[in-house]
C-alpha cells in the first residue's frame, strides 16, 4: 500500500492526495478544480500552480 499525504490546492484549497513517491517538479492534477500542480519542494511537500505551456515561436 502506497502512503499518501494531503495538501491544499493553491488554486481552490481542495485537498490533493500526494503519493510518498512523488518527485521534485512532478506535475499532478487537482481533482477539485482540474488545475495542474507542480511539486516545487519535498520534505515538506510544497505545491504550486504549474507554469502554462507556451508556444516556442522563435525556434
Protein backbone atom coordinates (compact mmCIF):
# COMPACT_ATOMS: atom_id res chain seq x y z
CA UNK A 1 0.00 0.00 0.00
CA UNK A 2 1.39 3.39 -1.02
CA UNK A 3 1.39 6.09 1.63
CA UNK A 4 -0.20 9.41 0.73
CA UNK A 5 -0.38 12.85 2.29
CA UNK A 6 -2.95 15.58 1.82
CA UNK A 7 -2.08 19.11 0.75
CA UNK A 8 -4.33 22.07 -0.01
CA UNK A 9 -4.55 23.08 -3.67
CA UNK A 10 -3.10 26.61 -4.07
CA UNK A 11 -5.91 27.44 -6.52
CA UNK A 12 -9.12 26.13 -4.88
CA UNK A 13 -7.96 24.95 -1.40
CA UNK A 14 -9.39 21.46 -2.08
CA UNK A 15 -7.43 18.54 -0.65
CA UNK A 16 -4.93 16.96 -3.06
CA UNK A 17 -3.61 13.46 -2.39
CA UNK A 18 0.15 13.22 -2.85
CA UNK A 19 1.95 9.91 -3.03
CA UNK A 20 5.08 9.49 -0.91
CA UNK A 21 6.90 8.51 -4.12
CA UNK A 22 6.45 11.89 -5.86
CA UNK A 23 9.49 13.54 -7.37
CA UNK A 24 10.58 17.15 -7.46
CA UNK A 25 8.99 19.05 -10.42
CA UNK A 26 6.41 16.30 -10.97
CA UNK A 27 3.04 17.54 -12.27
CA UNK A 28 -0.16 16.32 -10.60
CA UNK A 29 -3.81 17.31 -11.06
CA UNK A 30 -6.24 18.73 -8.54
CA UNK A 31 -9.46 16.72 -8.64
CA UNK A 32 -11.46 19.73 -7.44
CA UNK A 33 -10.54 22.43 -9.96
CA UNK A 34 -8.54 20.42 -12.54
CA UNK A 35 -5.51 22.71 -12.15
CA UNK A 36 -2.11 21.26 -12.95
CA UNK A 37 0.10 21.48 -9.90
CA UNK A 38 3.86 21.15 -9.68
CA UNK A 39 5.79 19.68 -6.76
CA UNK A 40 8.23 22.53 -6.05
CA UNK A 41 9.73 21.18 -2.80
CA UNK A 42 9.98 17.91 -0.90
CA UNK A 43 10.09 17.39 2.89
CA UNK A 44 7.79 19.17 3.39
CA UNK A 45 5.93 18.82 0.10
CA UNK A 46 5.02 22.18 -1.44
CA UNK A 47 2.58 22.59 -4.34
CA UNK A 48 2.41 25.47 -6.81
CA UNK A 49 0.43 26.08 -9.97
CA UNK A 50 2.31 24.53 -12.87
CA UNK A 51 3.52 27.05 -15.45
CA UNK A 52 1.46 27.30 -18.62
CA UNK A 53 2.97 25.59 -21.65
CA UNK A 54 3.79 28.25 -24.21
CA UNK A 55 4.48 28.02 -27.91
CA UNK A 56 8.13 28.50 -28.79
CA UNK A 57 7.69 30.77 -31.81
CA UNK A 58 11.36 31.68 -32.24
CA UNK A 59 12.73 28.18 -32.67
